Amino acid sequence: MAQNLKINDKVKVISGDNKGKEAKIVRIDRKSGKACLEGIGLVERHMKKSYVNPAGGKKTIHVGIDLSNLKLVEAAKFVKPAVKRVDASKKNVKKGAK
């Protein structure tokens, strides 16, 4: 994998059935080398009746697109997480101790 793609990056599909479409990355599976794109590669899976899903029915899932078929258009902006600062006067001070 030559590219360093991350979640929320905007990419363009450069080959396959969805060639030319642009979308945002929702999930990446590094082991299999595939990425799930928002609105692209959606498939309906028929679910069998079971104890967990007694009604059965259809479920929409993402089918991954190979990372080699994607081209980075716009990288996701990194947002540094906020750091909680603790006031030194409130740090484990025992009352009455000198």
N, C-alpha and C. Protein backbone atom coordinates (compact mmCIF):
# COMPACT_ATOMS: atom_id res chain seq x y z
N MET A 1 0.85 -1.17 0.00
CA MET A 1 0.00 0.00 0.00
C MET A 1 0.90 1.24 0.00
N ALA A 2 0.84 1.99 -1.06
CA ALA A 2 1.71 3.15 -1.20
C ALA A 2 1.13 4.38 -0.50
N GLN A 3 -0.20 4.46 -0.39
CA GLN A 3 -0.83 5.63 0.19
C GLN A 3 -1.08 5.43 1.67
N ASN A 4 -1.10 6.52 2.39
CA ASN A 4 -1.41 6.47 3.80
C ASN A 4 -2.80 7.08 4.00
N LEU A 5 -3.83 6.28 3.73
CA LEU A 5 -5.21 6.75 3.82
C LEU A 5 -5.72 6.55 5.23
N LYS A 6 -6.60 7.48 5.65
CA LYS A 6 -7.18 7.43 6.99
C LYS A 6 -8.70 7.62 6.88
N ILE A 7 -9.39 7.37 7.99
CA ILE A 7 -10.82 7.60 8.05
C ILE A 7 -11.08 9.10 7.89
N ASN A 8 -12.17 9.43 7.21
CA ASN A 8 -12.62 10.79 6.90
C ASN A 8 -11.82 11.47 5.79
N ASP A 9 -10.88 10.77 5.15
CA ASP A 9 -10.21 11.32 3.97
C ASP A 9 -11.18 11.28 2.79
N LYS A 10 -11.09 12.27 1.91
CA LYS A 10 -11.89 12.27 0.70
C LYS A 10 -11.05 11.64 -0.40
N VAL A 11 -11.61 10.60 -1.04
CA VAL A 11 -10.86 9.87 -2.07
C VAL A 11 -11.68 9.78 -3.35
N LYS A 12 -10.97 9.46 -4.43
CA LYS A 12 -11.60 9.27 -5.74
C LYS A 12 -11.32 7.84 -6.19
N VAL A 13 -12.34 7.16 -6.71
CA VAL A 13 -12.17 5.79 -7.21
C VAL A 13 -11.58 5.90 -8.61
N ILE A 14 -10.43 5.23 -8.83
CA ILE A 14 -9.73 5.37 -10.12
C ILE A 14 -9.93 4.17 -11.04
N SER A 15 -10.55 3.08 -10.53
CA SER A 15 -10.84 1.96 -11.41
C SER A 15 -11.99 1.14 -10.84
N GLY A 16 -12.63 0.39 -11.71
CA GLY A 16 -13.75 -0.44 -11.29
C GLY A 16 -15.08 0.15 -11.73
N ASP A 17 -16.18 -0.42 -11.21
CA ASP A 17 -17.52 0.01 -11.60
C ASP A 17 -17.83 1.44 -11.16
N ASN A 18 -17.24 1.88 -10.08
CA ASN A 18 -17.52 3.21 -9.53
C ASN A 18 -16.45 4.23 -9.91
N LYS A 19 -15.78 4.01 -11.04
CA LYS A 19 -14.69 4.88 -11.47
C LYS A 19 -15.16 6.32 -11.61
N GLY A 20 -14.37 7.25 -11.03
CA GLY A 20 -14.66 8.67 -11.13
C GLY A 20 -15.45 9.23 -9.97
N LYS A 21 -16.03 8.39 -9.14
CA LYS A 21 -16.82 8.88 -8.01
C LYS A 21 -15.91 9.27 -6.85
N GLU A 22 -16.32 10.31 -6.13
CA GLU A 22 -15.59 10.76 -4.94
C GLU A 22 -16.44 10.51 -3.71
N ALA A 23 -15.79 10.10 -2.63
CA ALA A 23 -16.51 9.82 -1.38
C ALA A 23 -15.55 9.89 -0.20
N LYS A 24 -16.12 9.86 0.99
CA LYS A 24 -15.36 9.92 2.23
C LYS A 24 -15.19 8.49 2.76
N ILE A 25 -14.03 8.20 3.33
CA ILE A 25 -13.76 6.87 3.88
C ILE A 25 -14.46 6.73 5.22
N VAL A 26 -15.24 5.65 5.37
CA VAL A 26 -15.97 5.37 6.60
C VAL A 26 -15.19 4.40 7.48
N ARG A 27 -14.59 3.38 6.86
CA ARG A 27 -13.87 2.35 7.62
C ARG A 27 -12.76 1.77 6.75
N ILE A 28 -11.65 1.40 7.38
CA ILE A 28 -10.52 0.81 6.66
C ILE A 28 -10.16 -0.50 7.32
N ASP A 29 -9.94 -1.53 6.48
CA ASP A 29 -9.46 -2.82 6.96
C ASP A 29 -8.06 -3.01 6.40
N ARG A 30 -7.06 -2.74 7.21
CA ARG A 30 -5.66 -2.79 6.76
C ARG A 30 -5.23 -4.22 6.42
N LYS A 31 -5.78 -5.20 7.13
CA LYS A 31 -5.37 -6.59 6.91
C LYS A 31 -5.74 -7.06 5.51
N SER A 32 -6.98 -6.76 5.08
CA SER A 32 -7.42 -7.18 3.75
C SER A 32 -7.13 -6.12 2.69
N GLY A 33 -6.72 -4.91 3.12
CA GLY A 33 -6.38 -3.85 2.17
C GLY A 33 -7.58 -3.25 1.48
N LYS A 34 -8.70 -3.10 2.23
CA LYS A 34 -9.92 -2.55 1.65
C LYS A 34 -10.45 -1.40 2.49
N ALA A 35 -11.18 -0.49 1.83
CA ALA A 35 -11.78 0.65 2.50
C ALA A 35 -13.26 0.71 2.15
N CYS A 36 -14.09 1.08 3.11
CA CYS A 36 -15.52 1.26 2.89
C CYS A 36 -15.78 2.74 2.70
N LEU A 37 -16.47 3.08 1.61
CA LEU A 37 -16.73 4.47 1.27
C LEU A 37 -18.20 4.81 1.49
N GLU A 38 -18.44 6.07 1.84
CA GLU A 38 -19.78 6.55 2.14
C GLU A 38 -20.61 6.60 0.86
N GLY A 39 -21.67 5.78 0.79
CA GLY A 39 -22.58 5.79 -0.35
C GLY A 39 -22.12 4.96 -1.54
N ILE A 40 -20.95 4.35 -1.47
CA ILE A 40 -20.44 3.53 -2.58
C ILE A 40 -20.20 2.12 -2.06
N GLY A 41 -20.60 1.13 -2.84
CA GLY A 41 -20.37 -0.25 -2.47
C GLY A 41 -21.36 -0.77 -1.44
N LEU A 42 -22.60 -0.26 -1.48
CA LEU A 42 -23.63 -0.74 -0.55
C LEU A 42 -24.35 -1.93 -1.18
N VAL A 43 -24.53 -3.00 -0.39
CA VAL A 43 -25.17 -4.21 -0.86
C VAL A 43 -26.19 -4.65 0.18
N GLU A 44 -27.32 -5.21 -0.27
CA GLU A 44 -28.31 -5.72 0.67
C GLU A 44 -28.02 -7.19 0.94
N ARG A 45 -27.91 -7.53 2.21
CA ARG A 45 -27.68 -8.91 2.63
C ARG A 45 -28.98 -9.43 3.22
N HIS A 46 -29.43 -10.61 2.80
CA HIS A 46 -30.64 -11.21 3.33
C HIS A 46 -30.29 -11.97 4.61
N MET A 47 -30.98 -11.62 5.70
CA MET A 47 -30.69 -12.21 7.00
C MET A 47 -31.71 -13.32 7.30
N LYS A 48 -31.20 -14.43 7.76
CA LYS A 48 -32.03 -15.56 8.13
C LYS A 48 -32.66 -15.29 9.50
N LYS A 49 -33.84 -15.87 9.75
CA LYS A 49 -34.46 -15.73 11.05
C LYS A 49 -33.59 -16.41 12.09
N SER A 50 -33.43 -15.74 13.24
CA SER A 50 -32.63 -16.32 14.31
C SER A 50 -33.16 -15.81 15.65
N TYR A 51 -32.54 -16.26 16.71
CA TYR A 51 -32.95 -15.84 18.05
C TYR A 51 -32.71 -14.34 18.22
N VAL A 52 -31.60 -13.85 17.71
CA VAL A 52 -31.26 -12.43 17.82
C VAL A 52 -32.13 -11.58 16.91
N ASN A 53 -32.43 -12.08 15.71
CA ASN A 53 -33.22 -11.36 14.72
C ASN A 53 -34.42 -12.23 14.33
N PRO A 54 -35.48 -12.25 15.15
CA PRO A 54 -36.60 -13.17 14.89
C PRO A 54 -37.38 -12.88 13.62
N ALA A 55 -37.35 -11.63 13.14
CA ALA A 55 -38.10 -11.29 11.94
C ALA A 55 -37.33 -11.60 10.66
N GLY A 56 -36.01 -11.70 10.75
CA GLY A 56 -35.20 -11.88 9.54
C GLY A 56 -35.19 -10.58 8.76
N GLY A 57 -35.12 -10.65 7.43
CA GLY A 57 -35.21 -9.45 6.59
C GLY A 57 -33.91 -9.12 5.88
N LYS A 58 -33.79 -7.85 5.49
CA LYS A 58 -32.64 -7.39 4.72
C LYS A 58 -31.81 -6.43 5.56
N LYS A 59 -30.50 -6.43 5.31
CA LYS A 59 -29.58 -5.55 6.01
C LYS A 59 -28.63 -4.96 4.97
N THR A 60 -28.43 -3.65 4.98
CA THR A 60 -27.51 -3.01 4.04
C THR A 60 -26.12 -2.97 4.65
N ILE A 61 -25.13 -3.48 3.90
CA ILE A 61 -23.75 -3.52 4.37
C ILE A 61 -22.84 -2.86 3.33
N HIS A 62 -21.64 -2.49 3.78
CA HIS A 62 -20.62 -1.94 2.88
C HIS A 62 -19.77 -3.08 2.33
N VAL A 63 -19.44 -3.00 1.06
CA VAL A 63 -18.48 -3.90 0.45
C VAL A 63 -17.22 -3.08 0.21
N GLY A 64 -16.10 -3.56 0.72
CA GLY A 64 -14.87 -2.79 0.64
C GLY A 64 -14.33 -2.66 -0.77
N ILE A 65 -13.68 -1.54 -1.03
CA ILE A 65 -12.99 -1.29 -2.30
C ILE A 65 -11.50 -1.34 -2.02
N ASP A 66 -10.76 -2.01 -2.88
CA ASP A 66 -9.33 -2.18 -2.68
C ASP A 66 -8.63 -0.83 -2.61
N LEU A 67 -7.67 -0.70 -1.68
CA LEU A 67 -6.97 0.56 -1.48
C LEU A 67 -6.18 0.99 -2.72
N SER A 68 -5.78 0.02 -3.55
CA SER A 68 -5.02 0.37 -4.76
C SER A 68 -5.91 1.04 -5.80
N ASN A 69 -7.24 0.96 -5.63
CA ASN A 69 -8.17 1.59 -6.57
C ASN A 69 -8.62 2.96 -6.11
N LEU A 70 -8.00 3.50 -5.06
CA LEU A 70 -8.39 4.79 -4.51
C LEU A 70 -7.26 5.80 -4.64
N LYS A 71 -7.64 7.05 -4.87
CA LYS A 71 -6.67 8.14 -4.98
C LYS A 71 -7.09 9.23 -4.00
N LEU A 72 -6.17 9.70 -3.18
CA LEU A 72 -6.45 10.73 -2.19
C LEU A 72 -6.74 12.06 -2.88
N VAL A 73 -7.89 12.67 -2.52
CA VAL A 73 -8.26 13.97 -3.07
C VAL A 73 -8.03 15.05 -2.03
N GLU A 74 -8.51 14.79 -0.81
CA GLU A 74 -8.38 15.76 0.26
C GLU A 74 -8.19 15.02 1.58
N ALA A 75 -7.11 15.34 2.29
CA ALA A 75 -6.83 14.68 3.56
C ALA A 75 -7.72 15.26 4.66
N ALA A 76 -8.08 14.39 5.62
CA ALA A 76 -8.88 14.84 6.76
C ALA A 76 -8.02 15.75 7.63
N LYS A 77 -8.64 16.79 8.15
CA LYS A 77 -7.90 17.71 9.01
C LYS A 77 -7.77 17.11 10.39
N PHE A 78 -6.58 17.18 10.93
CA PHE A 78 -6.31 16.64 12.27
C PHE A 78 -6.77 17.65 13.31
N VAL A 79 -7.59 17.19 14.23
CA VAL A 79 -8.07 18.04 15.31
C VAL A 79 -7.47 17.50 16.59
N LYS A 80 -6.65 18.33 17.24
CA LYS A 80 -5.99 17.90 18.47
C LYS A 80 -7.03 17.83 19.59
N PRO A 81 -7.10 16.71 20.31
CA PRO A 81 -8.08 16.59 21.38
C PRO A 81 -7.78 17.56 22.52
N ALA A 82 -8.84 18.05 23.14
CA ALA A 82 -8.69 18.99 24.24
C ALA A 82 -8.09 18.29 25.45
N VAL A 83 -7.23 19.01 26.16
CA VAL A 83 -6.57 18.46 27.34
C VAL A 83 -7.19 19.10 28.57
N LYS A 84 -7.61 18.27 29.51
CA LYS A 84 -8.17 18.80 30.75
C LYS A 84 -7.02 19.20 31.66
N ARG A 85 -7.08 20.44 32.13
CA ARG A 85 -6.04 20.93 33.03
C ARG A 85 -6.59 20.93 34.44
N VAL A 86 -5.80 20.39 35.35
CA VAL A 86 -6.21 20.30 36.74
C VAL A 86 -5.55 21.41 37.52
N ASP A 87 -6.34 22.11 38.33
CA ASP A 87 -5.82 23.19 39.16
C ASP A 87 -4.97 22.57 40.27
N ALA A 88 -3.75 23.07 40.45
CA ALA A 88 -2.82 22.50 41.43
C ALA A 88 -3.34 22.63 42.86
N SER A 89 -4.16 23.64 43.12
CA SER A 89 -4.67 23.83 44.48
C SER A 89 -5.72 22.79 44.86
N LYS A 90 -6.29 22.09 43.86
CA LYS A 90 -7.32 21.09 44.14
C LYS A 90 -6.80 19.67 44.11
N LYS A 91 -5.50 19.48 43.95
CA LYS A 91 -4.89 18.16 43.82
C LYS A 91 -4.67 17.50 45.16
N ASN A 92 -5.44 16.51 45.51
CA ASN A 92 -5.26 15.64 46.68
C ASN A 92 -4.66 16.36 47.89
N VAL A 93 -5.23 17.42 48.29
CA VAL A 93 -4.76 18.15 49.46
C VAL A 93 -5.60 17.75 50.66
N LYS A 94 -4.94 17.25 51.70
CA LYS A 94 -5.67 16.86 52.92
C LYS A 94 -5.97 18.10 53.73
N LYS A 95 -7.19 18.16 54.19
CA LYS A 95 -7.60 19.31 55.00
C LYS A 95 -6.98 19.21 56.40
N GLY A 96 -6.46 20.29 56.88
CA GLY A 96 -5.89 20.34 58.22
C GLY A 96 -4.43 19.92 58.28
N ALA A 97 -3.87 19.39 57.22
CA ALA A 97 -2.46 18.98 57.22
C ALA A 97 -1.58 20.16 56.85
N LYS A 98 -0.42 20.24 57.49
CA LYS A 98 0.52 21.32 57.21
C LYS A 98 1.75 20.86 56.53
